[in-house]
Amino acid sequence: MKQRLLIIIGVLLLVASAQAQERKVQNRPYTDLRKFHFGILTGVHFQDLEFLNVGPQLVENEDGTTSETLILTDQDRWDAGFTVGVLGEFRLSQTLQLRIAPAMYFGNRHITMINYGSQGFPQEQARQQQDLKSIYVSTAADLIYAAPRFNNYRPYVMAGLNPMLNLSGSRDDYLRLKKTEVFAEIGVGCDFYLPFFKLRPELKFMYGLMNSLDANHAGELRDRNMVPYSRSVKEAHSKIIALTFYFE
């Protein structure tokens, strides 16, 4: 009885596998043969900042004396934003493409700073918070390696570099980022060939290769009580997880 049941299950699995591999009519069969094409993109992303804190620092008091304090700075959550842009893609070979995608990233980062003083315990009214707005203009250059197309889908992997220009930043912020950053990015996606266009969902991870912190910002602050908070960090690296939909 068990042998018969195993045989039946095996036959059903073979039939299901054969049906899954059945060839279907292809939508837009010549779309991947173009040497170059345009498209648009939109999506959501989540931003984070990886901080390297300076540790204990000497602070000048109002009476001219100095004391040691410890301020820890962190982005306490991944903050969401959205992305819009356009793309141009070059066909290099049957499986390899080069994509140039100018886009804008709109987002916000919630920064928390806690002053532990010299005793290692949070001081009264020592928690400071900042919403660090971010507006990036980017021009990503990505190489895409795609599997052979089967029916109306085609998975791929991608990697590339994404230089960005930061349009945000205020003189009164505790922390301010540099105007330029460069991200390395890697991700996966899949082409879905629909009757009138190709849809490409893509999930990628982006990591800032540069120290994005503006170290000179502390000297520009008008409120001198903000200086220890501004100097609590010596390095910051941006991280972004992006889910993007390309329409080609």
C-alpha atoms as a PDB file:
ATOM      1  CA  MET A   1       0.000   0.000   0.000  1.00  0.00           C
ATOM      2  CA  LYS A   2       2.809   2.373   0.909  1.00  0.00           C
ATOM      3  CA  GLN A   3       4.625   1.607  -2.330  1.00  0.00           C
ATOM      4  CA  ARG A   4       1.510   2.368  -4.379  1.00  0.00           C
ATOM      5  CA  LEU A   5       1.001   5.644  -2.481  1.00  0.00           C
ATOM      6  CA  LEU A   6       4.625   6.655  -3.143  1.00  0.00           C
ATOM      7  CA  ILE A   7       4.244   5.820  -6.827  1.00  0.00           C
ATOM      8  CA  ILE A   8       1.067   7.908  -7.082  1.00  0.00           C
ATOM      9  CA  ILE A   9       2.739  10.875  -5.325  1.00  0.00           C
ATOM     10  CA  GLY A  10       5.742  10.561  -7.619  1.00  0.00           C
ATOM     11  CA  VAL A  11       3.559  10.534 -10.724  1.00  0.00           C
ATOM     12  CA  LEU A  12       1.633  13.603  -9.492  1.00  0.00           C
ATOM     13  CA  LEU A  13       4.884  15.471  -8.838  1.00  0.00           C
ATOM     14  CA  LEU A  14       6.172  14.631 -12.318  1.00  0.00           C
ATOM     15  CA  VAL A  15       2.926  15.815 -13.894  1.00  0.00           C
ATOM     16  CA  ALA A  16       2.989  19.047 -11.871  1.00  0.00           C
ATOM     17  CA  SER A  17       6.619  19.627 -12.817  1.00  0.00           C
ATOM     18  CA  ALA A  18       5.871  19.040 -16.495  1.00  0.00           C
ATOM     19  CA  GLN A  19       2.980  21.494 -16.376  1.00  0.00           C
ATOM     20  CA  ALA A  20       5.165  24.083 -14.653  1.00  0.00           C
ATOM     21  CA  GLN A  21       7.750  23.762 -17.420  1.00  0.00           C
ATOM     22  CA  GLU A  22       5.153  23.979 -20.179  1.00  0.00           C
ATOM     23  CA  ARG A  23       5.946  26.619 -22.738  1.00  0.00           C
ATOM     24  CA  LYS A  24       3.475  29.474 -23.077  1.00  0.00           C
ATOM     25  CA  VAL A  25       2.952  32.234 -25.594  1.00  0.00           C
ATOM     26  CA  GLN A  26       5.527  34.958 -24.965  1.00  0.00           C
ATOM     27  CA  ASN A  27       4.499  38.571 -24.474  1.00  0.00           C
ATOM     28  CA  ARG A  28       6.717  41.109 -26.251  1.00  0.00           C
ATOM     29  CA  PRO A  29       9.127  38.450 -27.592  1.00  0.00           C
ATOM     30  CA  TYR A  30      11.505  40.967 -29.210  1.00  0.00           C
ATOM     31  CA  THR A  31      11.788  43.460 -26.347  1.00  0.00           C
ATOM     32  CA  ASP A  32      15.177  42.132 -25.166  1.00  0.00           C
ATOM     33  CA  LEU A  33      16.690  42.397 -28.657  1.00  0.00           C
ATOM     34  CA  ARG A  34      16.756  46.188 -28.603  1.00  0.00           C
ATOM     35  CA  LYS A  35      20.208  47.733 -28.296  1.00  0.00           C
ATOM     36  CA  PHE A  36      18.890  50.542 -26.092  1.00  0.00           C
ATOM     37  CA  HIS A  37      15.610  51.453 -24.415  1.00  0.00           C
ATOM     38  CA  PHE A  38      14.148  53.883 -21.874  1.00  0.00           C
ATOM     39  CA  GLY A  39      11.881  53.406 -18.886  1.00  0.00           C
ATOM     40  CA  ILE A  40      10.637  54.920 -15.635  1.00  0.00           C
ATOM     41  CA  LEU A  41      11.011  53.786 -12.042  1.00  0.00           C
ATOM     42  CA  THR A  42       9.319  54.285  -8.701  1.00  0.00           C
ATOM     43  CA  GLY A  43       9.568  52.592  -5.357  1.00  0.00           C
ATOM     44  CA  VAL A  44      10.124  52.758  -1.617  1.00  0.00           C
ATOM     45  CA  HIS A  45      13.299  52.580   0.422  1.00  0.00           C
ATOM     46  CA  PHE A  46      14.457  52.443   4.032  1.00  0.00           C
ATOM     47  CA  GLN A  47      17.411  54.522   5.240  1.00  0.00           C
ATOM     48  CA  ASP A  48      19.800  54.049   8.130  1.00  0.00           C
ATOM     49  CA  LEU A  49      23.018  55.707   9.307  1.00  0.00           C
ATOM     50  CA  GLU A  50      25.841  53.668  10.808  1.00  0.00           C
ATOM     51  CA  PHE A  51      27.625  55.943  13.309  1.00  0.00           C
ATOM     52  CA  LEU A  52      31.079  55.690  14.834  1.00  0.00           C
ATOM     53  CA  ASN A  53      30.894  57.586  18.134  1.00  0.00           C
ATOM     54  CA  VAL A  54      33.933  59.417  19.532  1.00  0.00           C
ATOM     55  CA  GLY A  55      33.366  58.245  23.126  1.00  0.00           C
ATOM     56  CA  PRO A  56      34.180  60.490  26.113  1.00  0.00           C
ATOM     57  CA  GLN A  57      34.944  64.095  25.184  1.00  0.00           C
ATOM     58  CA  LEU A  58      35.957  67.263  27.008  1.00  0.00           C
ATOM     59  CA  VAL A  59      33.270  69.942  27.145  1.00  0.00           C
ATOM     60  CA  GLU A  60      33.830  73.590  28.032  1.00  0.00           C
ATOM     61  CA  ASN A  61      31.368  74.803  30.657  1.00  0.00           C
ATOM     62  CA  GLU A  62      29.852  78.290  30.845  1.00  0.00           C
ATOM     63  CA  ASP A  63      32.256  79.293  33.664  1.00  0.00           C
ATOM     64  CA  GLY A  64      35.281  78.429  31.525  1.00  0.00           C
ATOM     65  CA  THR A  65      36.077  75.094  33.176  1.00  0.00           C
ATOM     66  CA  THR A  66      36.091  71.782  31.326  1.00  0.00           C
ATOM     67  CA  SER A  67      34.464  68.481  32.148  1.00  0.00           C
ATOM     68  CA  GLU A  68      34.254  65.085  30.537  1.00  0.00           C
ATOM     69  CA  THR A  69      31.012  63.789  29.093  1.00  0.00           C
ATOM     70  CA  LEU A  70      29.853  60.819  27.052  1.00  0.00           C
ATOM     71  CA  ILE A  71      27.258  61.330  24.310  1.00  0.00           C
ATOM     72  CA  LEU A  72      26.039  58.375  22.249  1.00  0.00           C
ATOM     73  CA  THR A  73      24.347  58.994  18.906  1.00  0.00           C
ATOM     74  CA  ASP A  74      22.313  56.502  16.912  1.00  0.00           C
ATOM     75  CA  GLN A  75      19.548  56.250  14.344  1.00  0.00           C
ATOM     76  CA  ASP A  76      17.091  54.184  16.332  1.00  0.00           C
ATOM     77  CA  ARG A  77      15.035  52.841  13.429  1.00  0.00           C
ATOM     78  CA  TRP A  78      14.971  52.311   9.669  1.00  0.00           C
ATOM     79  CA  ASP A  79      13.072  55.275   8.202  1.00  0.00           C
ATOM     80  CA  ALA A  80      11.000  54.959   5.045  1.00  0.00           C
ATOM     81  CA  GLY A  81      11.111  57.139   1.931  1.00  0.00           C
ATOM     82  CA  PHE A  82      10.202  56.981  -1.738  1.00  0.00           C
ATOM     83  CA  THR A  83      12.057  57.035  -5.045  1.00  0.00           C
ATOM     84  CA  VAL A  84      11.207  58.280  -8.559  1.00  0.00           C
ATOM     85  CA  GLY A  85      13.331  58.400 -11.687  1.00  0.00           C
ATOM     86  CA  VAL A  86      14.036  57.301 -15.237  1.00  0.00           C
ATOM     87  CA  LEU A  87      16.386  54.772 -16.809  1.00  0.00           C
ATOM     88  CA  GLY A  88      18.262  53.980 -19.969  1.00  0.00           C
ATOM     89  CA  GLU A  89      19.492  50.437 -20.589  1.00  0.00           C
ATOM     90  CA  PHE A  90      22.113  49.161 -23.043  1.00  0.00           C
ATOM     91  CA  ARG A  91      22.132  45.560 -24.240  1.00  0.00           C
ATOM     92  CA  LEU A  92      25.735  44.306 -24.035  1.00  0.00           C
ATOM     93  CA  SER A  93      25.018  40.632 -24.742  1.00  0.00           C
ATOM     94  CA  GLN A  94      22.224  38.104 -24.487  1.00  0.00           C
ATOM     95  CA  THR A  95      22.559  37.944 -20.685  1.00  0.00           C
ATOM     96  CA  LEU A  96      24.360  41.175 -19.748  1.00  0.00           C
ATOM     97  CA  GLN A  97      22.951  44.719 -19.651  1.00  0.00           C
ATOM     98  CA  LEU A  98      24.240  48.108 -18.495  1.00  0.00           C
ATOM     99  CA  ARG A  99      21.631  50.328 -16.848  1.00  0.00           C
ATOM    100  CA  ILE A 100      21.940  54.063 -16.130  1.00  0.00           C
ATOM    101  CA  ALA A 101      19.175  55.227 -13.790  1.00  0.00           C
ATOM    102  CA  PRO A 102      18.975  58.918 -12.700  1.00  0.00           C
ATOM    103  CA  ALA A 103      16.601  59.150  -9.731  1.00  0.00           C
ATOM    104  CA  MET A 104      15.626  61.148  -6.659  1.00  0.00           C
ATOM    105  CA  TYR A 105      15.458  59.655  -3.161  1.00  0.00           C
ATOM    106  CA  PHE A 106      13.238  61.468  -0.656  1.00  0.00           C
ATOM    107  CA  GLY A 107      13.504  60.401   2.969  1.00  0.00           C
ATOM    108  CA  ASN A 108      14.101  61.191   6.603  1.00  0.00           C
ATOM    109  CA  ARG A 109      16.343  59.844   9.363  1.00  0.00           C
ATOM    110  CA  HIS A 110      15.360  59.943  13.039  1.00  0.00           C
ATOM    111  CA  ILE A 111      18.518  60.569  15.107  1.00  0.00           C
ATOM    112  CA  THR A 112      18.678  60.175  18.908  1.00  0.00           C
ATOM    113  CA  MET A 113      21.506  61.542  21.093  1.00  0.00           C
ATOM    114  CA  ILE A 114      21.835  60.691  24.795  1.00  0.00           C
ATOM    115  CA  ASN A 115      24.179  62.556  27.125  1.00  0.00           C
ATOM    116  CA  TYR A 116      25.454  60.164  29.821  1.00  0.00           C
ATOM    117  CA  GLY A 117      27.623  62.814  31.507  1.00  0.00           C
ATOM    118  CA  SER A 118      30.758  61.784  33.382  1.00  0.00           C
ATOM    119  CA  GLN A 119      29.001  59.259  35.644  1.00  0.00           C
ATOM    120  CA  GLY A 120      27.678  57.011  32.885  1.00  0.00           C
ATOM    121  CA  PHE A 121      24.022  57.771  33.587  1.00  0.00           C
ATOM    122  CA  PRO A 122      21.662  59.839  31.406  1.00  0.00           C
ATOM    123  CA  GLN A 123      21.488  63.453  32.548  1.00  0.00           C
ATOM    124  CA  GLU A 124      18.270  65.413  32.955  1.00  0.00           C
ATOM    125  CA  GLN A 125      16.967  66.767  29.647  1.00  0.00           C
ATOM    126  CA  ALA A 126      20.001  65.145  27.988  1.00  0.00           C
ATOM    127  CA  ARG A 127      18.122  63.291  25.253  1.00  0.00           C
ATOM    128  CA  GLN A 128      18.170  65.223  21.993  1.00  0.00           C
ATOM    129  CA  GLN A 129      16.451  64.194  18.772  1.00  0.00           C
ATOM    130  CA  GLN A 130      16.792  65.312  15.197  1.00  0.00           C
ATOM    131  CA  ASP A 131      14.840  64.520  12.044  1.00  0.00           C
ATOM    132  CA  LEU A 132      17.560  64.569   9.433  1.00  0.00           C
ATOM    133  CA  LYS A 133      15.845  65.243   6.109  1.00  0.00           C
ATOM    134  CA  SER A 134      17.437  63.767   3.001  1.00  0.00           C
ATOM    135  CA  ILE A 135      16.897  64.566  -0.665  1.00  0.00           C
ATOM    136  CA  TYR A 136      19.323  62.758  -2.942  1.00  0.00           C
ATOM    137  CA  VAL A 137      19.844  63.111  -6.671  1.00  0.00           C
ATOM    138  CA  SER A 138      21.468  59.888  -7.872  1.00  0.00           C
ATOM    139  CA  THR A 139      22.822  58.432 -11.099  1.00  0.00           C
ATOM    140  CA  ALA A 140      23.221  54.695 -10.636  1.00  0.00           C
ATOM    141  CA  ALA A 141      25.315  52.661 -13.083  1.00  0.00           C
ATOM    142  CA  ASP A 142      24.508  48.947 -12.759  1.00  0.00           C
ATOM    143  CA  LEU A 143      25.510  45.755 -14.522  1.00  0.00           C
ATOM    144  CA  ILE A 144      22.662  43.246 -14.812  1.00  0.00           C
ATOM    145  CA  TYR A 145      23.275  39.539 -15.365  1.00  0.00           C
ATOM    146  CA  ALA A 146      20.041  37.799 -16.335  1.00  0.00           C
ATOM    147  CA  ALA A 147      19.124  34.156 -16.715  1.00  0.00           C
ATOM    148  CA  PRO A 148      17.641  32.944 -20.028  1.00  0.00           C
ATOM    149  CA  ARG A 149      14.038  33.969 -20.435  1.00  0.00           C
ATOM    150  CA  PHE A 150      11.428  31.301 -19.724  1.00  0.00           C
ATOM    151  CA  ASN A 151       7.866  32.047 -20.751  1.00  0.00           C
ATOM    152  CA  ASN A 152       7.124  35.548 -19.398  1.00  0.00           C
ATOM    153  CA  TYR A 153       9.660  35.929 -16.628  1.00  0.00           C
ATOM    154  CA  ARG A 154      13.429  36.267 -16.320  1.00  0.00           C
ATOM    155  CA  PRO A 155      15.311  36.500 -12.972  1.00  0.00           C
ATOM    156  CA  TYR A 156      18.576  38.413 -12.647  1.00  0.00           C
ATOM    157  CA  VAL A 157      21.235  39.698 -10.266  1.00  0.00           C
ATOM    158  CA  MET A 158      22.751  43.189 -10.365  1.00  0.00           C
ATOM    159  CA  ALA A 159      25.634  45.195  -8.914  1.00  0.00           C
ATOM    160  CA  GLY A 160      26.930  48.697  -9.440  1.00  0.00           C
ATOM    161  CA  LEU A 161      27.909  52.113  -8.115  1.00  0.00           C
ATOM    162  CA  ASN A 162      25.564  54.964  -7.311  1.00  0.00           C
ATOM    163  CA  PRO A 163      27.000  58.489  -6.801  1.00  0.00           C
ATOM    164  CA  MET A 164      24.551  60.821  -5.074  1.00  0.00           C
ATOM    165  CA  LEU A 165      24.219  64.562  -4.490  1.00  0.00           C
ATOM    166  CA  ASN A 166      22.654  65.538  -1.157  1.00  0.00           C
ATOM    167  CA  LEU A 167      20.383  68.596  -1.530  1.00  0.00           C
ATOM    168  CA  SER A 168      19.302  68.754   2.126  1.00  0.00           C
ATOM    169  CA  GLY A 169      20.929  70.008   5.308  1.00  0.00           C
ATOM    170  CA  SER A 170      20.417  72.941   7.656  1.00  0.00           C
ATOM    171  CA  ARG A 171      22.862  75.093   9.564  1.00  0.00           C
ATOM    172  CA  ASP A 172      20.876  74.501  12.768  1.00  0.00           C
ATOM    173  CA  ASP A 173      20.965  70.687  12.600  1.00  0.00           C
ATOM    174  CA  TYR A 174      22.949  68.826  15.249  1.00  0.00           C
ATOM    175  CA  LEU A 175      24.482  66.708  12.493  1.00  0.00           C
ATOM    176  CA  ARG A 176      24.855  67.472   8.814  1.00  0.00           C
ATOM    177  CA  LEU A 177      25.913  65.208   5.970  1.00  0.00           C
ATOM    178  CA  LYS A 178      28.272  65.988   3.125  1.00  0.00           C
ATOM    179  CA  LYS A 179      26.908  67.073  -0.219  1.00  0.00           C
ATOM    180  CA  THR A 180      28.303  64.071  -2.114  1.00  0.00           C
ATOM    181  CA  GLU A 181      28.209  60.337  -1.430  1.00  0.00           C
ATOM    182  CA  VAL A 182      28.994  57.165  -3.357  1.00  0.00           C
ATOM    183  CA  PHE A 183      27.087  53.941  -2.744  1.00  0.00           C
ATOM    184  CA  ALA A 184      27.910  50.376  -3.706  1.00  0.00           C
ATOM    185  CA  GLU A 185      24.756  48.422  -4.489  1.00  0.00           C
ATOM    186  CA  ILE A 186      23.852  44.799  -5.051  1.00  0.00           C
ATOM    187  CA  GLY A 187      20.476  43.179  -5.540  1.00  0.00           C
ATOM    188  CA  VAL A 188      18.144  40.723  -7.237  1.00  0.00           C
ATOM    189  CA  GLY A 189      15.096  41.146  -9.435  1.00  0.00           C
ATOM    190  CA  CYS A 190      12.892  39.540 -12.036  1.00  0.00           C
ATOM    191  CA  ASP A 191      11.523  40.695 -15.385  1.00  0.00           C
ATOM    192  CA  PHE A 192       7.808  40.078 -15.938  1.00  0.00           C
ATOM    193  CA  TYR A 193       6.755  40.426 -19.572  1.00  0.00           C
ATOM    194  CA  LEU A 194       3.232  41.824 -19.668  1.00  0.00           C
ATOM    195  CA  PRO A 195       1.214  42.411 -22.856  1.00  0.00           C
ATOM    196  CA  PHE A 196       2.005  46.146 -23.093  1.00  0.00           C
ATOM    197  CA  PHE A 197       5.210  46.639 -21.077  1.00  0.00           C
ATOM    198  CA  LYS A 198       7.865  44.878 -19.024  1.00  0.00           C
ATOM    199  CA  LEU A 199       7.612  45.119 -15.226  1.00  0.00           C
ATOM    200  CA  ARG A 200      10.783  44.661 -13.198  1.00  0.00           C
ATOM    201  CA  PRO A 201      10.539  44.480  -9.372  1.00  0.00           C
ATOM    202  CA  GLU A 202      13.992  44.753  -7.791  1.00  0.00           C
ATOM    203  CA  LEU A 203      15.264  44.521  -4.226  1.00  0.00           C
ATOM    204  CA  LYS A 204      18.727  45.932  -3.552  1.00  0.00           C
ATOM    205  CA  PHE A 205      21.002  46.857  -0.667  1.00  0.00           C
ATOM    206  CA  MET A 206      23.096  50.048  -0.848  1.00  0.00           C
ATOM    207  CA  TYR A 207      26.050  50.930   1.390  1.00  0.00           C
ATOM    208  CA  GLY A 208      27.874  54.270   1.502  1.00  0.00           C
ATOM    209  CA  LEU A 209      31.576  53.925   0.691  1.00  0.00           C
ATOM    210  CA  MET A 210      32.521  57.353   2.084  1.00  0.00           C
ATOM    211  CA  ASN A 211      32.389  58.945   5.499  1.00  0.00           C
ATOM    212  CA  SER A 212      29.302  61.062   4.883  1.00  0.00           C
ATOM    213  CA  LEU A 213      29.552  63.167   8.063  1.00  0.00           C
ATOM    214  CA  ASP A 214      30.320  66.887   7.622  1.00  0.00           C
ATOM    215  CA  ALA A 215      33.005  67.233  10.317  1.00  0.00           C
ATOM    216  CA  ASN A 216      33.183  71.032   9.908  1.00  0.00           C
ATOM    217  CA  HIS A 217      29.544  71.572  10.819  1.00  0.00           C
ATOM    218  CA  ALA A 218      30.195  71.892  14.585  1.00  0.00           C
ATOM    219  CA  GLY A 219      32.144  75.109  14.030  1.00  0.00           C
ATOM    220  CA  GLU A 220      29.166  76.698  12.242  1.00  0.00           C
ATOM    221  CA  LEU A 221      26.617  76.168  15.033  1.00  0.00           C
ATOM    222  CA  ARG A 222      25.196  79.318  16.593  1.00  0.00           C
ATOM    223  CA  ASP A 223      23.997  77.524  19.743  1.00  0.00           C
ATOM    224  CA  ARG A 224      27.210  76.443  21.484  1.00  0.00           C
ATOM    225  CA  ASN A 225      25.268  74.006  23.695  1.00  0.00           C
ATOM    226  CA  MET A 226      24.739  71.910  20.564  1.00  0.00           C
ATOM    227  CA  VAL A 227      28.464  71.538  19.860  1.00  0.00           C
ATOM    228  CA  PRO A 228      29.098  68.474  22.106  1.00  0.00           C
ATOM    229  CA  TYR A 229      26.234  66.673  20.380  1.00  0.00           C
ATOM    230  CA  SER A 230      27.546  67.614  16.956  1.00  0.00           C
ATOM    231  CA  ARG A 231      31.030  66.364  17.896  1.00  0.00           C
ATOM    232  CA  SER A 232      29.781  63.092  19.396  1.00  0.00           C
ATOM    233  CA  VAL A 233      30.255  61.330  16.044  1.00  0.00           C
ATOM    234  CA  LYS A 234      33.391  61.056  13.906  1.00  0.00           C
ATOM    235  CA  GLU A 235      32.117  58.855  11.085  1.00  0.00           C
ATOM    236  CA  ALA A 236      28.773  58.073   9.460  1.00  0.00           C
ATOM    237  CA  HIS A 237      28.020  55.599   6.680  1.00  0.00           C
ATOM    238  CA  SER A 238      24.651  55.535   4.934  1.00  0.00           C
ATOM    239  CA  LYS A 239      22.711  52.322   4.338  1.00  0.00           C
ATOM    240  CA  ILE A 240      19.633  51.983   2.145  1.00  0.00           C
ATOM    241  CA  ILE A 241      17.370  49.031   1.362  1.00  0.00           C
ATOM    242  CA  ALA A 242      15.344  49.815  -1.769  1.00  0.00           C
ATOM    243  CA  LEU A 243      12.395  48.082  -3.395  1.00  0.00           C
ATOM    244  CA  THR A 244      12.059  49.539  -6.882  1.00  0.00           C
ATOM    245  CA  PHE A 245       9.616  48.908  -9.723  1.00  0.00           C
ATOM    246  CA  TYR A 246      10.894  49.554 -13.258  1.00  0.00           C
ATOM    247  CA  PHE A 247       8.461  50.010 -16.138  1.00  0.00           C
ATOM    248  CA  GLU A 248      10.106  49.434 -19.509  1.00  0.00           C
END
